[in-house]
Amino acid sequence: MQSATDLGSLRRRRDHFPKEENKLRRTCARLEELIANISVEKIVLGLPVHMNSDVGERAERTMEFARLLERRTGLDVIFWDERLTTAEAEEILIRQKVRGKTEKNT
């Protein structure tokens, strides 16, 4: 499982969208379309493990989806450790003085 520091300057967001519940074929088709239109070497999926590193139901479903993507696309799927990503994002926004949704305008 990779983290932001592992990828260093190579980490770049190309596209992000949540998997639509009960719309697996549509999600795979959309991914395949993106892959066909841009140079994709690997797929990165966020892995929602628990803070104590336990793998719960959501992480199991993500790993199952990764296996499906590998079969359909022929590309490697890398898991991204999602623990603390919200806290990291909030810290970046604070450093950049960007107001969050929950902050009151004063």
C-alpha atoms as a PDB file:
ATOM      1  CA  MET A   1       0.000   0.000   0.000  1.00  0.00           C
ATOM      2  CA  GLN A   2       1.414   3.388  -1.006  1.00  0.00           C
ATOM      3  CA  SER A   3       1.255   6.687   0.817  1.00  0.00           C
ATOM      4  CA  ALA A   4       1.775  10.255  -0.339  1.00  0.00           C
ATOM      5  CA  THR A   5       5.394  10.280   0.792  1.00  0.00           C
ATOM      6  CA  ASP A   6       6.135   7.050  -1.117  1.00  0.00           C
ATOM      7  CA  LEU A   7       5.153   8.609  -4.427  1.00  0.00           C
ATOM      8  CA  GLY A   8       6.884  11.935  -3.819  1.00  0.00           C
ATOM      9  CA  SER A   9       6.724  14.239  -6.817  1.00  0.00           C
ATOM     10  CA  LEU A  10       5.115  11.535  -8.977  1.00  0.00           C
ATOM     11  CA  ARG A  11       1.739  11.896  -7.317  1.00  0.00           C
ATOM     12  CA  ARG A  12      -0.630  13.741  -9.599  1.00  0.00           C
ATOM     13  CA  ARG A  13      -4.362  13.598  -9.648  1.00  0.00           C
ATOM     14  CA  ARG A  14      -5.626  12.716 -13.103  1.00  0.00           C
ATOM     15  CA  ASP A  15      -9.254  12.076 -12.376  1.00  0.00           C
ATOM     16  CA  HIS A  16     -11.340  11.169  -9.387  1.00  0.00           C
ATOM     17  CA  PHE A  17     -14.856   9.910  -9.087  1.00  0.00           C
ATOM     18  CA  PRO A  18     -16.593   7.719  -6.578  1.00  0.00           C
ATOM     19  CA  LYS A  19     -17.732   4.274  -7.629  1.00  0.00           C
ATOM     20  CA  GLU A  20     -21.465   4.456  -8.144  1.00  0.00           C
ATOM     21  CA  GLU A  21     -23.291   1.978  -5.970  1.00  0.00           C
ATOM     22  CA  ASN A  22     -24.979  -0.751  -8.038  1.00  0.00           C
ATOM     23  CA  LYS A  23     -23.547   0.744 -11.221  1.00  0.00           C
ATOM     24  CA  LEU A  24     -20.447  -1.423 -11.591  1.00  0.00           C
ATOM     25  CA  ARG A  25     -20.632  -1.814 -15.370  1.00  0.00           C
ATOM     26  CA  ARG A  26     -21.028   1.937 -15.855  1.00  0.00           C
ATOM     27  CA  THR A  27     -18.104   2.637 -13.539  1.00  0.00           C
ATOM     28  CA  CYS A  28     -15.852   0.149 -15.347  1.00  0.00           C
ATOM     29  CA  ALA A  29     -16.877   1.518 -18.740  1.00  0.00           C
ATOM     30  CA  ARG A  30     -16.079   5.060 -17.619  1.00  0.00           C
ATOM     31  CA  LEU A  31     -12.672   3.976 -16.332  1.00  0.00           C
ATOM     32  CA  GLU A  32     -11.929   2.103 -19.550  1.00  0.00           C
ATOM     33  CA  GLU A  33     -12.857   5.225 -21.530  1.00  0.00           C
ATOM     34  CA  LEU A  34     -10.505   7.366 -19.440  1.00  0.00           C
ATOM     35  CA  ILE A  35      -7.713   4.815 -19.835  1.00  0.00           C
ATOM     36  CA  ALA A  36      -8.185   4.774 -23.605  1.00  0.00           C
ATOM     37  CA  ASN A  37      -7.998   8.593 -23.823  1.00  0.00           C
ATOM     38  CA  ILE A  38      -4.968   9.270 -21.636  1.00  0.00           C
ATOM     39  CA  SER A  39      -1.680   7.510 -21.020  1.00  0.00           C
ATOM     40  CA  VAL A  40      -2.373   5.358 -17.969  1.00  0.00           C
ATOM     41  CA  GLU A  41       0.270   3.061 -16.535  1.00  0.00           C
ATOM     42  CA  LYS A  42      -1.370   2.126 -13.234  1.00  0.00           C
ATOM     43  CA  ILE A  43      -4.633   2.654 -11.374  1.00  0.00           C
ATOM     44  CA  VAL A  44      -4.624   4.019  -7.824  1.00  0.00           C
ATOM     45  CA  LEU A  45      -7.523   3.121  -5.516  1.00  0.00           C
ATOM     46  CA  GLY A  46      -8.022   4.516  -2.050  1.00  0.00           C
ATOM     47  CA  LEU A  47      -8.110   1.707   0.489  1.00  0.00           C
ATOM     48  CA  PRO A  48     -10.340   2.536   3.466  1.00  0.00           C
ATOM     49  CA  VAL A  49      -8.622   0.504   6.179  1.00  0.00           C
ATOM     50  CA  HIS A  50      -9.334   1.158   9.844  1.00  0.00           C
ATOM     51  CA  MET A  51      -6.937   3.256  11.912  1.00  0.00           C
ATOM     52  CA  ASN A  52      -5.649   0.076  13.593  1.00  0.00           C
ATOM     53  CA  SER A  53      -4.908  -1.408  10.111  1.00  0.00           C
ATOM     54  CA  ASP A  54      -7.840  -3.847  10.239  1.00  0.00           C
ATOM     55  CA  VAL A  55      -9.440  -4.533   6.884  1.00  0.00           C
ATOM     56  CA  GLY A  56     -13.192  -4.066   7.095  1.00  0.00           C
ATOM     57  CA  GLU A  57     -16.047  -4.682   4.681  1.00  0.00           C
ATOM     58  CA  ARG A  58     -15.439  -1.493   2.671  1.00  0.00           C
ATOM     59  CA  ALA A  59     -11.755  -2.331   2.195  1.00  0.00           C
ATOM     60  CA  GLU A  60     -12.668  -5.897   1.170  1.00  0.00           C
ATOM     61  CA  ARG A  61     -15.069  -4.524  -1.445  1.00  0.00           C
ATOM     62  CA  THR A  62     -12.372  -2.153  -2.695  1.00  0.00           C
ATOM     63  CA  MET A  63      -9.903  -5.026  -3.079  1.00  0.00           C
ATOM     64  CA  GLU A  64     -12.523  -7.032  -4.969  1.00  0.00           C
ATOM     65  CA  PHE A  65     -13.096  -4.053  -7.269  1.00  0.00           C
ATOM     66  CA  ALA A  66      -9.318  -3.810  -7.808  1.00  0.00           C
ATOM     67  CA  ARG A  67      -9.168  -7.433  -8.951  1.00  0.00           C
ATOM     68  CA  LEU A  68     -12.001  -6.742 -11.403  1.00  0.00           C
ATOM     69  CA  LEU A  69     -10.202  -3.677 -12.770  1.00  0.00           C
ATOM     70  CA  GLU A  70      -6.963  -5.601 -13.196  1.00  0.00           C
ATOM     71  CA  ARG A  71      -8.792  -8.288 -15.186  1.00  0.00           C
ATOM     72  CA  ARG A  72     -10.693  -5.805 -17.362  1.00  0.00           C
ATOM     73  CA  THR A  73      -7.900  -3.320 -18.038  1.00  0.00           C
ATOM     74  CA  GLY A  74      -4.729  -5.381 -17.775  1.00  0.00           C
ATOM     75  CA  LEU A  75      -3.257  -2.617 -15.586  1.00  0.00           C
ATOM     76  CA  ASP A  76      -1.774  -2.908 -12.113  1.00  0.00           C
ATOM     77  CA  VAL A  77      -3.871  -1.459  -9.299  1.00  0.00           C
ATOM     78  CA  ILE A  78      -2.068   0.252  -6.428  1.00  0.00           C
ATOM     79  CA  PHE A  79      -3.798   0.820  -3.110  1.00  0.00           C
ATOM     80  CA  TRP A  80      -3.575   4.242  -1.481  1.00  0.00           C
ATOM     81  CA  ASP A  81      -3.743   4.320   2.295  1.00  0.00           C
ATOM     82  CA  GLU A  82      -6.701   6.611   3.025  1.00  0.00           C
ATOM     83  CA  ARG A  83      -6.101   6.861   6.759  1.00  0.00           C
ATOM     84  CA  LEU A  84      -5.655  10.476   7.805  1.00  0.00           C
ATOM     85  CA  THR A  85      -6.125  11.849   4.275  1.00  0.00           C
ATOM     86  CA  THR A  86      -8.934  14.118   5.479  1.00  0.00           C
ATOM     87  CA  ALA A  87      -6.697  15.471   8.241  1.00  0.00           C
ATOM     88  CA  GLU A  88      -3.863  16.001   5.730  1.00  0.00           C
ATOM     89  CA  ALA A  89      -6.198  17.830   3.335  1.00  0.00           C
ATOM     90  CA  GLU A  90      -7.506  20.051   6.118  1.00  0.00           C
ATOM     91  CA  GLU A  91      -3.921  20.912   7.145  1.00  0.00           C
ATOM     92  CA  ILE A  92      -3.083  21.904   3.565  1.00  0.00           C
ATOM     93  CA  LEU A  93      -6.179  24.097   3.390  1.00  0.00           C
ATOM     94  CA  ILE A  94      -5.300  25.746   6.695  1.00  0.00           C
ATOM     95  CA  ARG A  95      -1.742  26.459   5.489  1.00  0.00           C
ATOM     96  CA  GLN A  96      -3.155  27.960   2.286  1.00  0.00           C
ATOM     97  CA  LYS A  97      -5.718  29.944   4.304  1.00  0.00           C
ATOM     98  CA  VAL A  98      -8.658  28.368   2.472  1.00  0.00           C
ATOM     99  CA  ARG A  99     -11.885  28.438   4.470  1.00  0.00           C
ATOM    100  CA  GLY A 100     -13.612  25.100   4.954  1.00  0.00           C
ATOM    101  CA  LYS A 101     -17.299  24.380   4.488  1.00  0.00           C
ATOM    102  CA  THR A 102     -17.868  24.083   8.210  1.00  0.00           C
ATOM    103  CA  GLU A 103     -16.195  27.377   9.128  1.00  0.00           C
ATOM    104  CA  LYS A 104     -18.506  30.279   9.754  1.00  0.00           C
ATOM    105  CA  ASN A 105     -17.938  33.428   7.774  1.00  0.00           C
ATOM    106  CA  THR A 106     -17.024  36.028  10.386  1.00  0.00           C
END
